[in-house]
Amino acid sequence: MRSTATAQTMRPAMGSTMGSTMQSTMRPMVRAASRRRGGSLALGLAIAAWLVGCLAIGAWVRLQTIEAGYGISEQRKERVRLIEANRKLELDLARLSALDRIEAIASGKLGMKFPVQSQVVKLP
C-alpha cells in the first residue's frame, strides 16, 4: 500500500499547475505540426492547380492550332476554286469580246453595216 500511496502523491493532479503546463506546451507543438501539414497541403493544391492550368492552356493551344489548320485547308480549297472561276471568267471575257464575234452579231442580228465615208463625222 505504501508504494501506491507514494505513487499517488508523486503524481500531480490534472488540475495542478504542472499538468496544465505540459498541456500548454503540447498545444503549440500540435498547432505547429498542423500548420506545417496545412501549408504543405496548400502548396500541394497550388502545384496541382498550376499543373491543371498548364494542361488546360496546352490543350486550348492545341485545339486552336488544329482549328487554324482546318481553316487554312478550307481557305486553300476556296482559293483553288476562285482561281478556277477566275480562269473561266477570263476565257469568257476573251470569247465575248472577240471582234469577229461582235461584228457577226452586229451585222447578223442587229442589221448594222460599216458606214460609208459620207456618214463619218470627224470631231475637232
Protein backbone atom coordinates (compact mmCIF):
# COMPACT_ATOMS: atom_id res chain seq x y z
CA MET A 1 0.00 0.00 0.00
CA ARG A 2 2.76 2.27 0.74
CA SER A 3 4.08 2.17 -2.80
CA THR A 4 0.72 3.13 -4.23
CA ALA A 5 0.34 5.92 -1.80
CA THR A 6 3.75 7.27 -2.73
CA ALA A 7 2.97 6.99 -6.44
CA GLN A 8 -0.27 8.80 -5.93
CA THR A 9 1.37 11.58 -4.02
CA MET A 10 4.09 11.95 -6.59
CA ARG A 11 1.68 12.23 -9.48
CA PRO A 12 0.35 15.74 -9.88
CA ALA A 13 -3.34 16.21 -10.18
CA MET A 14 -4.78 17.09 -13.56
CA GLY A 15 -5.85 20.46 -12.35
CA SER A 16 -2.45 21.28 -10.94
CA THR A 17 -0.02 23.73 -12.48
CA MET A 18 2.40 21.09 -13.67
CA GLY A 19 -0.30 19.26 -15.68
CA SER A 20 -1.61 22.43 -17.28
CA THR A 21 1.95 23.49 -18.10
CA MET A 22 2.50 20.25 -20.00
CA GLN A 23 -0.75 20.66 -21.84
CA SER A 24 0.05 24.25 -22.79
CA THR A 25 3.49 23.24 -24.09
CA MET A 26 1.98 20.40 -26.10
CA ARG A 27 -0.60 22.56 -27.81
CA PRO A 28 1.85 24.82 -29.68
CA MET A 29 3.70 21.77 -30.98
CA VAL A 30 0.46 20.25 -32.22
CA ARG A 31 -0.55 23.55 -33.76
CA ALA A 32 2.81 23.99 -35.45
CA ALA A 33 2.66 20.48 -36.86
CA SER A 34 -0.86 21.02 -38.15
CA ARG A 35 0.23 24.33 -39.67
CA ARG A 36 3.07 22.57 -41.45
CA ARG A 37 0.65 19.95 -42.75
CA GLY A 38 -1.79 22.67 -43.78
CA GLY A 39 0.98 24.59 -45.50
CA SER A 40 2.17 21.54 -47.37
CA LEU A 41 -1.42 20.75 -48.31
CA ALA A 42 -1.90 24.28 -49.63
CA LEU A 43 1.39 24.04 -51.52
CA GLY A 44 0.36 20.70 -53.00
CA LEU A 45 -3.00 22.09 -54.03
CA ALA A 46 -1.35 25.15 -55.56
CA ILE A 47 1.04 22.96 -57.56
CA ALA A 48 -1.82 20.72 -58.68
CA ALA A 49 -3.88 23.75 -59.73
CA TRP A 50 -0.89 25.15 -61.62
CA LEU A 51 -0.38 21.82 -63.42
CA VAL A 52 -4.06 21.58 -64.31
CA GLY A 53 -3.94 25.16 -65.58
CA CYS A 54 -0.87 24.41 -67.70
CA LEU A 55 -2.54 21.30 -69.12
CA ALA A 56 -5.72 23.26 -69.87
CA ILE A 57 -3.77 26.01 -71.60
CA GLY A 58 -1.80 23.43 -73.56
CA ALA A 59 -4.99 21.68 -74.65
CA TRP A 60 -6.54 25.02 -75.65
CA VAL A 61 -3.47 25.95 -77.70
CA ARG A 62 -3.52 22.54 -79.40
CA LEU A 63 -7.23 22.92 -80.18
CA GLN A 64 -6.65 26.40 -81.62
CA THR A 65 -3.80 25.04 -83.76
CA ILE A 66 -6.00 22.26 -85.11
CA GLU A 67 -8.85 24.68 -85.84
CA ALA A 68 -6.44 27.04 -87.57
CA GLY A 69 -5.16 24.11 -89.67
CA TYR A 70 -8.70 23.28 -90.74
CA GLY A 71 -9.33 26.94 -91.55
CA ILE A 72 -6.16 27.11 -93.66
CA SER A 73 -7.17 23.95 -95.50
CA GLU A 74 -10.60 25.40 -96.26
CA GLN A 75 -9.05 28.68 -97.41
CA ARG A 76 -6.73 26.80 -99.77
CA LYS A 77 -9.68 24.91 -101.25
CA GLU A 78 -11.57 28.19 -101.66
CA ARG A 79 -8.51 29.79 -103.31
CA VAL A 80 -8.25 26.93 -105.83
CA ARG A 81 -11.99 27.24 -106.57
CA LEU A 82 -11.71 31.00 -107.05
CA ILE A 83 -8.66 30.69 -109.31
CA GLU A 84 -10.58 28.22 -111.49
CA ALA A 85 -13.64 30.50 -111.58
CA ASN A 86 -11.39 33.46 -112.50
CA ARG A 87 -9.79 31.45 -115.32
CA LYS A 88 -13.24 30.58 -116.71
CA LEU A 89 -14.33 34.22 -116.49
CA GLU A 90 -11.21 35.38 -118.31
CA LEU A 91 -11.90 32.83 -121.09
CA ASP A 92 -15.50 34.03 -121.33
CA LEU A 93 -14.34 37.65 -121.49
CA ALA A 94 -11.86 36.85 -124.25
CA ARG A 95 -14.52 34.91 -126.21
CA LEU A 96 -17.23 37.52 -125.74
CA SER A 97 -15.01 40.48 -126.61
CA ALA A 98 -13.58 38.93 -129.78
CA LEU A 99 -14.04 41.41 -132.64
CA ASP A 100 -15.13 38.74 -135.14
CA ARG A 101 -17.97 37.69 -132.85
CA ILE A 102 -19.08 41.28 -132.19
CA GLU A 103 -19.02 42.04 -135.92
CA ALA A 104 -21.06 38.92 -136.72
CA ILE A 105 -23.71 39.83 -134.15
CA ALA A 106 -23.84 43.47 -135.26
CA SER A 107 -24.28 42.62 -138.94
CA GLY A 108 -26.42 39.48 -138.47
CA LYS A 109 -28.80 40.10 -135.57
CA LEU A 110 -28.81 43.88 -135.48
CA GLY A 111 -28.59 44.55 -139.23
CA MET A 112 -25.70 47.01 -138.90
CA LYS A 113 -23.30 47.85 -141.74
CA PHE A 114 -20.00 49.66 -141.96
CA PRO A 115 -20.60 53.40 -142.55
CA VAL A 116 -19.72 54.97 -145.89
CA GLN A 117 -17.28 57.88 -145.94
CA SER A 118 -20.08 60.47 -146.13
CA GLN A 119 -21.64 59.16 -142.90
CA VAL A 120 -18.45 59.62 -140.86
CA VAL A 121 -18.24 62.92 -138.99
CA LYS A 122 -14.86 63.97 -137.59
CA LEU A 123 -14.97 65.94 -134.38
CA PRO A 124 -12.44 68.66 -133.59
